[in-house]
């Protein structure tokens, strides 16, 4: 490719762009890419775009070595799984779900909906044995989220704020949902 082609934004169809790449430029790989309808960069020969539709995965794998929000929610099961779900936990879980999925509404059957239902039932329960725990709600959280993303500092701040606003003492549970998301964000930031 010439320098002009690299700098200009591609507005043509991918197949048309692939036809412009001479097969001799990248050897056999460029010829194979041309047949597949793939545009390759002049610098490294990596695929820039494909004509074929990609498989859409509900929970795409995060970047290598990062901890997602869904994984952080599941980690809260290990640290505070026996804790009955309270309103502050439900709010933190809802904030985490919103940040993981990018949706502003609660999904029926999702983690946040389960947490809100558990908090409502727990407020009416007579004994601790009847209460729903975080483990009941958060086990398999990654599978219940339609999408997931690596936890960031901003995510941790949002989840912590939601948990604090909904706690009567304006605090967070030391090993709860907010703490798990904050720990994931710290680990991700250090990489």
N, C-alpha and C. Protein backbone atom coordinates (compact mmCIF):
# COMPACT_ATOMS: atom_id res chain seq x y z
N UNK A 1 0.84 -1.18 0.00
CA UNK A 1 0.00 0.00 0.00
C UNK A 1 0.88 1.23 0.00
N UNK A 2 0.44 2.25 -0.65
CA UNK A 2 1.20 3.48 -0.64
C UNK A 2 0.85 4.27 0.62
N UNK A 3 1.61 5.30 0.88
CA UNK A 3 1.40 6.12 2.07
C UNK A 3 0.05 6.82 2.02
N UNK A 4 -0.40 7.20 0.82
CA UNK A 4 -1.70 7.87 0.68
C UNK A 4 -2.84 6.95 1.09
N UNK A 5 -2.74 5.66 0.76
CA UNK A 5 -3.80 4.72 1.09
C UNK A 5 -3.87 4.47 2.59
N UNK A 6 -2.74 4.48 3.26
CA UNK A 6 -2.72 4.22 4.69
C UNK A 6 -3.32 5.40 5.45
N UNK A 7 -3.05 6.62 5.05
CA UNK A 7 -3.51 7.80 5.78
C UNK A 7 -4.99 8.10 5.55
N UNK A 8 -5.51 7.82 4.35
CA UNK A 8 -6.91 8.13 4.05
C UNK A 8 -7.83 7.16 4.76
N UNK A 9 -8.96 7.63 5.28
CA UNK A 9 -9.92 6.69 5.86
C UNK A 9 -10.53 5.82 4.76
N UNK A 10 -10.73 4.58 5.07
CA UNK A 10 -11.28 3.64 4.11
C UNK A 10 -12.78 3.84 4.01
N UNK A 11 -13.25 4.18 2.83
CA UNK A 11 -14.68 4.37 2.64
C UNK A 11 -15.25 3.35 1.67
N UNK A 12 -14.37 2.59 1.02
CA UNK A 12 -14.83 1.58 0.06
C UNK A 12 -15.23 0.31 0.78
N UNK A 13 -15.83 -0.56 0.04
CA UNK A 13 -16.17 -1.88 0.54
C UNK A 13 -14.88 -2.64 0.82
N UNK A 14 -14.89 -3.49 1.82
CA UNK A 14 -13.69 -4.24 2.20
C UNK A 14 -13.20 -5.10 1.05
N UNK A 15 -14.10 -5.70 0.30
CA UNK A 15 -13.69 -6.53 -0.84
C UNK A 15 -12.98 -5.69 -1.89
N UNK A 16 -13.48 -4.48 -2.13
CA UNK A 16 -12.84 -3.61 -3.11
C UNK A 16 -11.44 -3.24 -2.67
N UNK A 17 -11.26 -2.94 -1.39
CA UNK A 17 -9.94 -2.60 -0.87
C UNK A 17 -9.00 -3.80 -0.97
N UNK A 18 -9.51 -4.99 -0.73
CA UNK A 18 -8.68 -6.19 -0.79
C UNK A 18 -8.17 -6.42 -2.21
N UNK A 19 -8.96 -6.07 -3.20
CA UNK A 19 -8.54 -6.25 -4.59
C UNK A 19 -7.38 -5.33 -4.95
N UNK A 20 -7.24 -4.19 -4.25
CA UNK A 20 -6.19 -3.24 -4.54
C UNK A 20 -4.82 -3.71 -4.05
N UNK A 21 -4.78 -4.67 -3.14
CA UNK A 21 -3.51 -5.14 -2.58
C UNK A 21 -2.92 -6.16 -3.53
N UNK A 22 -1.73 -5.90 -4.06
CA UNK A 22 -1.12 -6.89 -4.94
C UNK A 22 -0.70 -8.12 -4.14
N UNK A 23 -0.85 -9.28 -4.72
CA UNK A 23 -0.51 -10.52 -4.04
C UNK A 23 0.97 -10.62 -3.76
N UNK A 24 1.80 -9.95 -4.53
CA UNK A 24 3.24 -10.02 -4.33
C UNK A 24 3.70 -9.18 -3.14
N UNK A 25 2.89 -8.25 -2.69
CA UNK A 25 3.30 -7.36 -1.60
C UNK A 25 3.54 -8.13 -0.32
N UNK A 26 2.68 -9.03 0.04
CA UNK A 26 2.84 -9.78 1.28
C UNK A 26 3.10 -11.24 1.03
N UNK A 27 3.36 -11.63 -0.18
CA UNK A 27 3.62 -13.02 -0.49
C UNK A 27 2.35 -13.83 -0.45
N UNK A 28 2.48 -15.07 0.00
CA UNK A 28 1.36 -16.01 0.04
C UNK A 28 0.29 -15.53 1.00
N UNK A 29 0.69 -14.94 2.14
CA UNK A 29 -0.29 -14.48 3.13
C UNK A 29 -1.21 -13.42 2.55
N UNK A 30 -0.65 -12.49 1.78
CA UNK A 30 -1.47 -11.43 1.19
C UNK A 30 -2.44 -12.02 0.18
N UNK A 31 -2.00 -13.02 -0.57
CA UNK A 31 -2.90 -13.65 -1.54
C UNK A 31 -4.03 -14.37 -0.82
N UNK A 32 -3.70 -15.07 0.27
CA UNK A 32 -4.74 -15.74 1.06
C UNK A 32 -5.71 -14.73 1.64
N UNK A 33 -5.18 -13.62 2.18
CA UNK A 33 -6.04 -12.59 2.75
C UNK A 33 -6.94 -11.98 1.68
N UNK A 34 -6.39 -11.80 0.48
CA UNK A 34 -7.17 -11.23 -0.60
C UNK A 34 -8.35 -12.14 -0.94
N UNK A 35 -8.10 -13.45 -0.95
CA UNK A 35 -9.17 -14.40 -1.24
C UNK A 35 -10.23 -14.39 -0.14
N UNK A 36 -9.84 -14.14 1.10
CA UNK A 36 -10.78 -14.12 2.21
C UNK A 36 -11.54 -12.80 2.30
N UNK A 37 -11.07 -11.78 1.57
CA UNK A 37 -11.71 -10.47 1.66
C UNK A 37 -11.22 -9.69 2.86
N UNK A 38 -9.93 -9.82 3.19
CA UNK A 38 -9.36 -9.16 4.35
C UNK A 38 -8.42 -8.07 3.88
N UNK A 39 -8.51 -6.90 4.50
CA UNK A 39 -7.58 -5.82 4.21
C UNK A 39 -6.44 -5.92 5.19
N UNK A 40 -5.20 -5.86 4.70
CA UNK A 40 -4.05 -5.95 5.59
C UNK A 40 -3.32 -4.64 5.65
N UNK A 41 -2.69 -4.39 6.77
CA UNK A 41 -1.90 -3.17 6.93
C UNK A 41 -0.56 -3.35 6.25
N UNK A 42 0.02 -2.23 5.83
CA UNK A 42 1.32 -2.29 5.18
C UNK A 42 2.41 -2.62 6.19
N UNK A 43 2.21 -2.25 7.45
CA UNK A 43 3.28 -2.42 8.43
C UNK A 43 3.45 -3.86 8.88
N UNK A 44 2.39 -4.53 9.26
CA UNK A 44 2.56 -5.85 9.85
C UNK A 44 1.80 -6.96 9.16
N UNK A 45 0.96 -6.67 8.23
CA UNK A 45 0.19 -7.70 7.57
C UNK A 45 -0.90 -8.29 8.42
N UNK A 46 -1.33 -7.60 9.47
CA UNK A 46 -2.39 -8.10 10.33
C UNK A 46 -3.74 -7.74 9.73
N UNK A 47 -4.71 -8.56 10.02
CA UNK A 47 -6.05 -8.33 9.50
C UNK A 47 -6.63 -7.07 10.10
N UNK A 48 -7.14 -6.19 9.27
CA UNK A 48 -7.75 -4.95 9.74
C UNK A 48 -9.26 -5.04 9.75
N UNK A 49 -9.84 -5.79 8.83
CA UNK A 49 -11.28 -5.95 8.80
C UNK A 49 -11.64 -7.18 7.99
N UNK A 50 -12.72 -7.83 8.32
CA UNK A 50 -13.12 -9.03 7.61
C UNK A 50 -14.50 -8.85 7.03
N UNK A 51 -14.71 -9.50 5.89
CA UNK A 51 -16.02 -9.47 5.25
C UNK A 51 -16.97 -10.42 5.97
N UNK A 52 -16.48 -11.59 6.36
CA UNK A 52 -17.33 -12.58 7.00
C UNK A 52 -17.81 -12.06 8.34
N UNK A 53 -19.03 -12.44 8.70
CA UNK A 53 -19.55 -12.03 10.00
C UNK A 53 -18.81 -12.76 11.09
N UNK A 54 -18.55 -12.04 12.18
CA UNK A 54 -17.87 -12.65 13.32
C UNK A 54 -18.90 -13.28 14.23
N UNK A 55 -18.48 -14.32 14.94
CA UNK A 55 -19.36 -14.92 15.93
C UNK A 55 -19.49 -13.98 17.11
N UNK A 56 -20.70 -13.68 17.53
CA UNK A 56 -20.93 -12.80 18.65
C UNK A 56 -21.00 -13.66 19.91
N UNK A 57 -20.17 -13.31 20.88
CA UNK A 57 -20.10 -14.06 22.13
C UNK A 57 -20.75 -13.22 23.21
N UNK A 58 -21.60 -13.83 24.02
CA UNK A 58 -22.30 -13.09 25.06
C UNK A 58 -21.32 -12.45 26.04
N UNK A 59 -20.35 -13.18 26.51
CA UNK A 59 -19.33 -12.66 27.41
C UNK A 59 -17.98 -12.84 26.75
N UNK A 60 -17.55 -11.86 25.93
CA UNK A 60 -16.26 -12.02 25.28
C UNK A 60 -15.15 -12.03 26.32
N UNK A 61 -14.08 -12.80 26.07
CA UNK A 61 -13.01 -12.84 27.05
C UNK A 61 -12.36 -11.47 27.17
N UNK A 62 -12.03 -11.09 28.38
CA UNK A 62 -11.38 -9.81 28.62
C UNK A 62 -9.92 -9.91 28.19
N UNK A 63 -9.25 -8.79 28.22
CA UNK A 63 -7.84 -8.78 27.89
C UNK A 63 -7.10 -9.74 28.81
N UNK A 64 -6.03 -10.27 28.31
CA UNK A 64 -5.24 -11.24 29.06
C UNK A 64 -4.84 -10.68 30.42
N UNK A 65 -5.19 -11.39 31.47
CA UNK A 65 -4.75 -11.02 32.81
C UNK A 65 -5.56 -9.97 33.52
N UNK A 66 -6.65 -9.49 32.94
CA UNK A 66 -7.47 -8.50 33.63
C UNK A 66 -8.66 -9.20 34.29
N UNK A 67 -9.16 -8.57 35.33
CA UNK A 67 -10.30 -9.12 36.06
C UNK A 67 -11.54 -8.32 35.67
N UNK A 68 -12.57 -9.02 35.25
CA UNK A 68 -13.79 -8.35 34.83
C UNK A 68 -14.69 -8.07 36.03
N UNK A 69 -15.69 -7.25 35.80
CA UNK A 69 -16.66 -6.92 36.85
C UNK A 69 -17.42 -8.18 37.26
N UNK A 70 -17.77 -9.01 36.29
CA UNK A 70 -18.46 -10.27 36.60
C UNK A 70 -17.61 -11.18 37.47
N UNK A 71 -16.33 -11.24 37.19
CA UNK A 71 -15.43 -12.05 38.01
C UNK A 71 -15.31 -11.46 39.42
N UNK A 72 -15.31 -10.14 39.51
CA UNK A 72 -15.24 -9.49 40.83
C UNK A 72 -16.50 -9.79 41.64
N UNK A 73 -17.65 -9.82 40.98
CA UNK A 73 -18.89 -10.18 41.67
C UNK A 73 -18.83 -11.61 42.18
N UNK A 74 -18.30 -12.49 41.37
CA UNK A 74 -18.16 -13.88 41.80
C UNK A 74 -17.14 -14.02 42.93
N UNK A 75 -16.13 -13.16 42.94
CA UNK A 75 -15.14 -13.19 44.01
C UNK A 75 -15.76 -12.77 45.34
N UNK A 76 -16.78 -11.92 45.28
CA UNK A 76 -17.46 -11.51 46.51
C UNK A 76 -18.13 -12.70 47.19
N UNK A 77 -18.45 -13.72 46.43
CA UNK A 77 -19.03 -14.95 47.01
C UNK A 77 -18.00 -15.60 47.94
N UNK A 78 -16.74 -15.58 47.53
CA UNK A 78 -15.69 -16.21 48.34
C UNK A 78 -15.40 -15.43 49.61
N UNK A 79 -15.53 -14.10 49.56
CA UNK A 79 -15.17 -13.28 50.71
C UNK A 79 -16.35 -12.98 51.63
N UNK A 80 -17.55 -12.86 51.07
CA UNK A 80 -18.71 -12.48 51.88
C UNK A 80 -19.95 -13.27 51.48
N UNK A 81 -19.78 -14.47 51.03
CA UNK A 81 -20.89 -15.26 50.52
C UNK A 81 -21.99 -15.56 51.51
N UNK A 82 -21.67 -15.66 52.80
CA UNK A 82 -22.68 -15.98 53.82
C UNK A 82 -23.44 -14.78 54.32
N UNK A 83 -23.10 -13.59 53.84
CA UNK A 83 -23.75 -12.36 54.27
C UNK A 83 -25.14 -12.26 53.63
N UNK A 84 -26.18 -12.01 54.43
CA UNK A 84 -27.51 -11.80 53.84
C UNK A 84 -27.51 -10.55 52.96
N UNK A 85 -28.22 -10.60 51.86
CA UNK A 85 -28.29 -9.47 50.92
C UNK A 85 -29.10 -8.34 51.56
N UNK A 86 -28.50 -7.16 51.59
CA UNK A 86 -29.16 -5.96 52.11
C UNK A 86 -29.35 -4.98 50.96
N UNK A 87 -30.05 -3.88 51.24
CA UNK A 87 -30.30 -2.88 50.20
C UNK A 87 -29.00 -2.32 49.63
N UNK A 88 -28.01 -2.13 50.50
CA UNK A 88 -26.73 -1.59 50.04
C UNK A 88 -26.04 -2.57 49.08
N UNK A 89 -26.15 -3.85 49.36
CA UNK A 89 -25.57 -4.87 48.47
C UNK A 89 -26.29 -4.86 47.12
N UNK A 90 -27.60 -4.78 47.16
CA UNK A 90 -28.39 -4.77 45.93
C UNK A 90 -28.04 -3.55 45.07
N UNK A 91 -27.85 -2.41 45.72
CA UNK A 91 -27.48 -1.19 44.98
C UNK A 91 -26.10 -1.33 44.36
N UNK A 92 -25.17 -1.91 45.10
CA UNK A 92 -23.81 -2.11 44.58
C UNK A 92 -23.83 -3.09 43.41
N UNK A 93 -24.60 -4.14 43.52
CA UNK A 93 -24.69 -5.13 42.44
C UNK A 93 -25.33 -4.50 41.21
N UNK A 94 -26.36 -3.69 41.43
CA UNK A 94 -26.99 -3.00 40.30
C UNK A 94 -25.99 -2.06 39.61
N UNK A 95 -25.22 -1.31 40.39
CA UNK A 95 -24.23 -0.40 39.81
C UNK A 95 -23.18 -1.18 39.03
N UNK A 96 -22.78 -2.32 39.56
CA UNK A 96 -21.79 -3.16 38.88
C UNK A 96 -22.36 -3.70 37.56
N UNK A 97 -23.62 -4.13 37.57
CA UNK A 97 -24.25 -4.65 36.36
C UNK A 97 -24.36 -3.56 35.30
N UNK A 98 -24.75 -2.37 35.71
CA UNK A 98 -24.89 -1.25 34.78
C UNK A 98 -23.54 -0.94 34.14
N UNK A 99 -22.49 -0.93 34.95
CA UNK A 99 -21.16 -0.62 34.43
C UNK A 99 -20.62 -1.74 33.54
N UNK A 100 -20.93 -2.98 33.87
CA UNK A 100 -20.45 -4.10 33.06
C UNK A 100 -21.14 -4.18 31.71
N UNK A 101 -22.45 -3.91 31.69
CA UNK A 101 -23.22 -4.08 30.47
C UNK A 101 -23.38 -2.81 29.66
N UNK A 102 -23.26 -1.65 30.31
CA UNK A 102 -23.49 -0.39 29.62
C UNK A 102 -24.96 -0.04 29.49
N UNK A 103 -25.83 -0.86 30.05
CA UNK A 103 -27.28 -0.61 30.01
C UNK A 103 -27.68 0.12 31.28
N UNK A 104 -28.63 1.01 31.16
CA UNK A 104 -29.07 1.76 32.34
C UNK A 104 -30.28 1.15 33.03
N UNK A 105 -30.91 0.21 32.38
CA UNK A 105 -32.09 -0.42 33.00
C UNK A 105 -31.72 -1.80 33.55
N UNK A 106 -32.48 -2.25 34.51
CA UNK A 106 -32.25 -3.56 35.11
C UNK A 106 -32.88 -4.61 34.22
N UNK A 107 -32.12 -5.66 33.95
CA UNK A 107 -32.62 -6.74 33.11
C UNK A 107 -33.39 -7.74 33.95
N UNK A 108 -34.58 -8.11 33.54
CA UNK A 108 -35.31 -9.15 34.26
C UNK A 108 -34.51 -10.45 34.28
N UNK A 109 -34.41 -11.05 35.43
CA UNK A 109 -33.65 -12.29 35.56
C UNK A 109 -32.16 -12.09 35.70
N UNK A 110 -31.71 -10.85 35.70
CA UNK A 110 -30.28 -10.57 35.83
C UNK A 110 -29.84 -10.57 37.28
N UNK A 111 -28.57 -10.29 37.47
CA UNK A 111 -27.98 -10.29 38.80
C UNK A 111 -28.60 -9.19 39.67
N UNK A 112 -28.77 -8.00 39.13
CA UNK A 112 -29.32 -6.89 39.90
C UNK A 112 -30.78 -7.15 40.29
N UNK A 113 -31.55 -7.70 39.39
CA UNK A 113 -32.95 -8.01 39.71
C UNK A 113 -33.03 -9.06 40.81
N UNK A 114 -32.17 -10.06 40.76
CA UNK A 114 -32.13 -11.08 41.81
C UNK A 114 -31.73 -10.48 43.15
N UNK A 115 -30.77 -9.56 43.13
CA UNK A 115 -30.31 -8.92 44.36
C UNK A 115 -31.41 -8.05 44.97
N UNK A 116 -32.12 -7.30 44.14
CA UNK A 116 -33.21 -6.47 44.66
C UNK A 116 -34.31 -7.32 45.25
N UNK A 117 -34.65 -8.40 44.59
CA UNK A 117 -35.67 -9.30 45.10
C UNK A 117 -35.23 -9.92 46.42
N UNK A 118 -33.96 -10.32 46.50
CA UNK A 118 -33.43 -10.91 47.73
C UNK A 118 -33.44 -9.90 48.88
N UNK A 119 -33.07 -8.65 48.58
CA UNK A 119 -33.07 -7.62 49.62
C UNK A 119 -34.48 -7.36 50.14
N UNK A 120 -35.45 -7.36 49.26
CA UNK A 120 -36.85 -7.17 49.66
C UNK A 120 -37.32 -8.33 50.54
N UNK A 121 -37.03 -9.55 50.12
CA UNK A 121 -37.43 -10.72 50.91
C UNK A 121 -36.70 -10.76 52.25
N UNK A 122 -35.42 -10.40 52.26
CA UNK A 122 -34.65 -10.42 53.50
C UNK A 122 -35.15 -9.38 54.50
N UNK A 123 -35.65 -8.26 54.01
CA UNK A 123 -36.19 -7.23 54.91
C UNK A 123 -37.43 -7.74 55.64
N UNK A 124 -38.13 -8.69 55.04
CA UNK A 124 -39.36 -9.23 55.63
C UNK A 124 -39.12 -10.53 56.39
N UNK A 125 -37.94 -11.13 56.24
CA UNK A 125 -37.66 -12.42 56.87
C UNK A 125 -37.55 -12.28 58.38
N UNK A 126 -38.00 -13.31 59.10
CA UNK A 126 -37.98 -13.29 60.56
C UNK A 126 -36.65 -13.78 61.13
N UNK A 127 -36.00 -14.71 60.47
CA UNK A 127 -34.74 -15.24 61.00
C UNK A 127 -33.65 -15.20 59.94
N UNK A 128 -32.40 -15.26 60.38
CA UNK A 128 -31.27 -15.24 59.46
C UNK A 128 -31.23 -16.48 58.56
N UNK A 129 -31.77 -17.59 59.04
CA UNK A 129 -31.77 -18.81 58.24
C UNK A 129 -32.65 -18.68 56.99
N UNK A 130 -33.67 -17.84 57.06
CA UNK A 130 -34.60 -17.65 55.95
C UNK A 130 -34.05 -16.66 54.91
N UNK A 131 -32.99 -15.94 55.25
CA UNK A 131 -32.50 -14.88 54.37
C UNK A 131 -31.65 -15.42 53.23
N UNK A 132 -31.75 -14.74 52.09
CA UNK A 132 -30.95 -15.05 50.91
C UNK A 132 -29.58 -14.41 51.07
N UNK A 133 -28.54 -15.17 50.77
CA UNK A 133 -27.18 -14.67 50.94
C UNK A 133 -26.59 -14.17 49.61
N UNK A 134 -25.46 -13.49 49.71
CA UNK A 134 -24.76 -13.04 48.51
C UNK A 134 -24.36 -14.22 47.63
N UNK A 135 -24.02 -15.34 48.26
CA UNK A 135 -23.66 -16.53 47.48
C UNK A 135 -24.83 -17.00 46.62
N UNK A 136 -26.04 -16.93 47.16
CA UNK A 136 -27.23 -17.33 46.41
C UNK A 136 -27.42 -16.45 45.17
N UNK A 137 -27.12 -15.17 45.31
CA UNK A 137 -27.37 -14.21 44.23
C UNK A 137 -26.21 -14.14 43.23
N UNK A 138 -24.97 -14.17 43.73
CA UNK A 138 -23.82 -13.89 42.88
C UNK A 138 -23.13 -15.11 42.29
N UNK A 139 -23.49 -16.30 42.72
CA UNK A 139 -22.88 -17.49 42.13
C UNK A 139 -23.28 -17.56 40.65
N UNK A 140 -22.28 -17.64 39.78
CA UNK A 140 -22.53 -17.67 38.34
C UNK A 140 -22.88 -16.32 37.76
N UNK A 141 -22.43 -15.24 38.39
CA UNK A 141 -22.77 -13.88 37.93
C UNK A 141 -22.30 -13.61 36.51
N UNK A 142 -21.14 -14.12 36.13
CA UNK A 142 -20.64 -13.88 34.77
C UNK A 142 -21.59 -14.43 33.72
N UNK A 143 -22.19 -15.56 33.99
CA UNK A 143 -23.13 -16.15 33.04
C UNK A 143 -24.45 -15.40 32.95
N UNK A 144 -24.79 -14.66 33.98
CA UNK A 144 -26.03 -13.90 33.99
C UNK A 144 -25.89 -12.54 33.34
N UNK A 145 -24.65 -12.08 33.15
CA UNK A 145 -24.42 -10.78 32.51
C UNK A 145 -24.34 -10.96 31.00
N UNK A 146 -25.10 -10.18 30.23
CA UNK A 146 -25.03 -10.33 28.78
C UNK A 146 -23.69 -9.87 28.21
N UNK A 147 -23.00 -8.99 28.90
CA UNK A 147 -21.67 -8.56 28.50
C UNK A 147 -20.89 -8.20 29.76
N UNK A 148 -19.59 -8.12 29.62
CA UNK A 148 -18.74 -7.89 30.77
C UNK A 148 -17.54 -7.08 30.31
N UNK A 149 -16.90 -6.40 31.22
CA UNK A 149 -15.71 -5.63 30.86
C UNK A 149 -14.75 -5.62 32.04
N UNK A 150 -13.49 -5.33 31.79
CA UNK A 150 -12.53 -5.27 32.90
C UNK A 150 -12.89 -4.15 33.88
N UNK A 151 -12.69 -4.42 35.15
CA UNK A 151 -13.00 -3.45 36.20
C UNK A 151 -11.98 -2.31 36.17
N UNK A 152 -12.47 -1.09 36.26
CA UNK A 152 -11.60 0.09 36.29
C UNK A 152 -11.82 0.84 37.60
N UNK A 153 -10.98 1.82 37.82
CA UNK A 153 -11.09 2.63 39.03
C UNK A 153 -12.44 3.35 39.07
N UNK A 154 -12.88 3.85 37.92
CA UNK A 154 -14.18 4.53 37.84
C UNK A 154 -15.33 3.60 38.20
N UNK A 155 -15.23 2.35 37.75
CA UNK A 155 -16.25 1.35 38.08
C UNK A 155 -16.27 1.12 39.59
N UNK A 156 -15.09 0.99 40.18
CA UNK A 156 -14.99 0.76 41.62
C UNK A 156 -15.58 1.94 42.40
N UNK A 157 -15.32 3.15 41.96
CA UNK A 157 -15.87 4.33 42.62
C UNK A 157 -17.40 4.35 42.53
N UNK A 158 -17.94 4.00 41.36
CA UNK A 158 -19.39 3.98 41.18
C UNK A 158 -20.07 2.93 42.05
N UNK A 159 -19.48 1.75 42.12
CA UNK A 159 -20.05 0.67 42.92
C UNK A 159 -19.94 1.01 44.41
N UNK A 160 -18.81 1.55 44.81
CA UNK A 160 -18.62 1.94 46.22
C UNK A 160 -19.61 3.04 46.61
N UNK A 161 -19.78 4.01 45.76
CA UNK A 161 -20.74 5.10 46.03
C UNK A 161 -22.16 4.59 46.17
N UNK A 162 -22.54 3.66 45.31
CA UNK A 162 -23.90 3.09 45.38
C UNK A 162 -24.09 2.32 46.67
N UNK A 163 -23.09 1.55 47.08
CA UNK A 163 -23.21 0.77 48.31
C UNK A 163 -23.28 1.71 49.53
N UNK A 164 -22.47 2.76 49.53
CA UNK A 164 -22.46 3.69 50.66
C UNK A 164 -23.77 4.47 50.77
N UNK A 165 -24.30 4.94 49.64
CA UNK A 165 -25.54 5.72 49.64
C UNK A 165 -26.72 4.94 50.18
N UNK A 166 -26.68 3.63 50.05
CA UNK A 166 -27.81 2.79 50.45
C UNK A 166 -27.58 2.06 51.76
N UNK A 167 -26.54 2.43 52.48
CA UNK A 167 -26.26 1.84 53.78
C UNK A 167 -26.67 2.85 54.86
N UNK A 168 -27.36 2.42 55.91
CA UNK A 168 -27.79 3.36 56.94
C UNK A 168 -26.63 4.07 57.66
N UNK A 169 -25.46 3.46 57.68
CA UNK A 169 -24.30 4.06 58.34
C UNK A 169 -23.33 4.69 57.34
N UNK A 170 -23.73 4.76 56.07
CA UNK A 170 -22.91 5.32 55.00
C UNK A 170 -21.52 4.69 54.93
N UNK A 171 -21.47 3.38 55.04
CA UNK A 171 -20.22 2.64 54.95
C UNK A 171 -20.38 1.49 53.95
N UNK A 172 -19.26 0.85 53.65
CA UNK A 172 -19.30 -0.35 52.81
C UNK A 172 -18.93 -1.55 53.67
N UNK A 173 -19.35 -2.71 53.25
CA UNK A 173 -19.00 -3.95 53.94
C UNK A 173 -17.55 -4.26 53.58
N UNK A 174 -16.68 -4.51 54.55
CA UNK A 174 -15.24 -4.65 54.28
C UNK A 174 -14.85 -5.67 53.22
N UNK A 175 -15.56 -6.76 53.10
CA UNK A 175 -15.22 -7.78 52.10
C UNK A 175 -16.36 -8.01 51.12
N UNK A 176 -17.22 -7.01 50.95
CA UNK A 176 -18.41 -7.16 50.13
C UNK A 176 -18.20 -6.86 48.66
N UNK A 177 -19.28 -6.47 48.02
CA UNK A 177 -19.30 -6.25 46.57
C UNK A 177 -18.37 -5.11 46.18
N UNK A 178 -18.48 -3.98 46.84
CA UNK A 178 -17.65 -2.82 46.49
C UNK A 178 -16.17 -3.13 46.70
N UNK A 179 -15.87 -3.84 47.78
CA UNK A 179 -14.47 -4.19 48.05
C UNK A 179 -13.91 -5.12 46.98
N UNK A 180 -14.71 -6.03 46.48
CA UNK A 180 -14.26 -6.96 45.44
C UNK A 180 -14.01 -6.22 44.12
N UNK A 181 -14.91 -5.31 43.75
CA UNK A 181 -14.72 -4.55 42.52
C UNK A 181 -13.51 -3.62 42.65
N UNK A 182 -13.33 -3.02 43.82
CA UNK A 182 -12.19 -2.15 44.05
C UNK A 182 -10.88 -2.94 43.97
N UNK A 183 -10.85 -4.13 44.53
CA UNK A 183 -9.65 -4.97 44.47
C UNK A 183 -9.35 -5.35 43.02
N UNK A 184 -10.37 -5.69 42.26
CA UNK A 184 -10.17 -6.03 40.84
C UNK A 184 -9.63 -4.83 40.07
N UNK A 185 -10.15 -3.65 40.35
CA UNK A 185 -9.67 -2.45 39.67
C UNK A 185 -8.22 -2.16 40.02
N UNK A 186 -7.85 -2.34 41.29
CA UNK A 186 -6.46 -2.13 41.70
C UNK A 186 -5.53 -3.10 40.99
N UNK A 187 -5.93 -4.34 40.90
CA UNK A 187 -5.10 -5.35 40.23
C UNK A 187 -4.97 -5.02 38.74
N UNK A 188 -6.08 -4.63 38.12
CA UNK A 188 -6.04 -4.27 36.70
C UNK A 188 -5.18 -3.04 36.45
N UNK A 189 -5.23 -2.08 37.35
CA UNK A 189 -4.47 -0.84 37.17
C UNK A 189 -2.97 -1.09 37.31
N UNK A 190 -2.60 -2.06 38.12
CA UNK A 190 -1.17 -2.32 38.33
C UNK A 190 -0.54 -3.08 37.16
N UNK A 191 -1.34 -3.56 36.22
CA UNK A 191 -0.78 -4.31 35.07
C UNK A 191 -0.41 -3.42 33.95
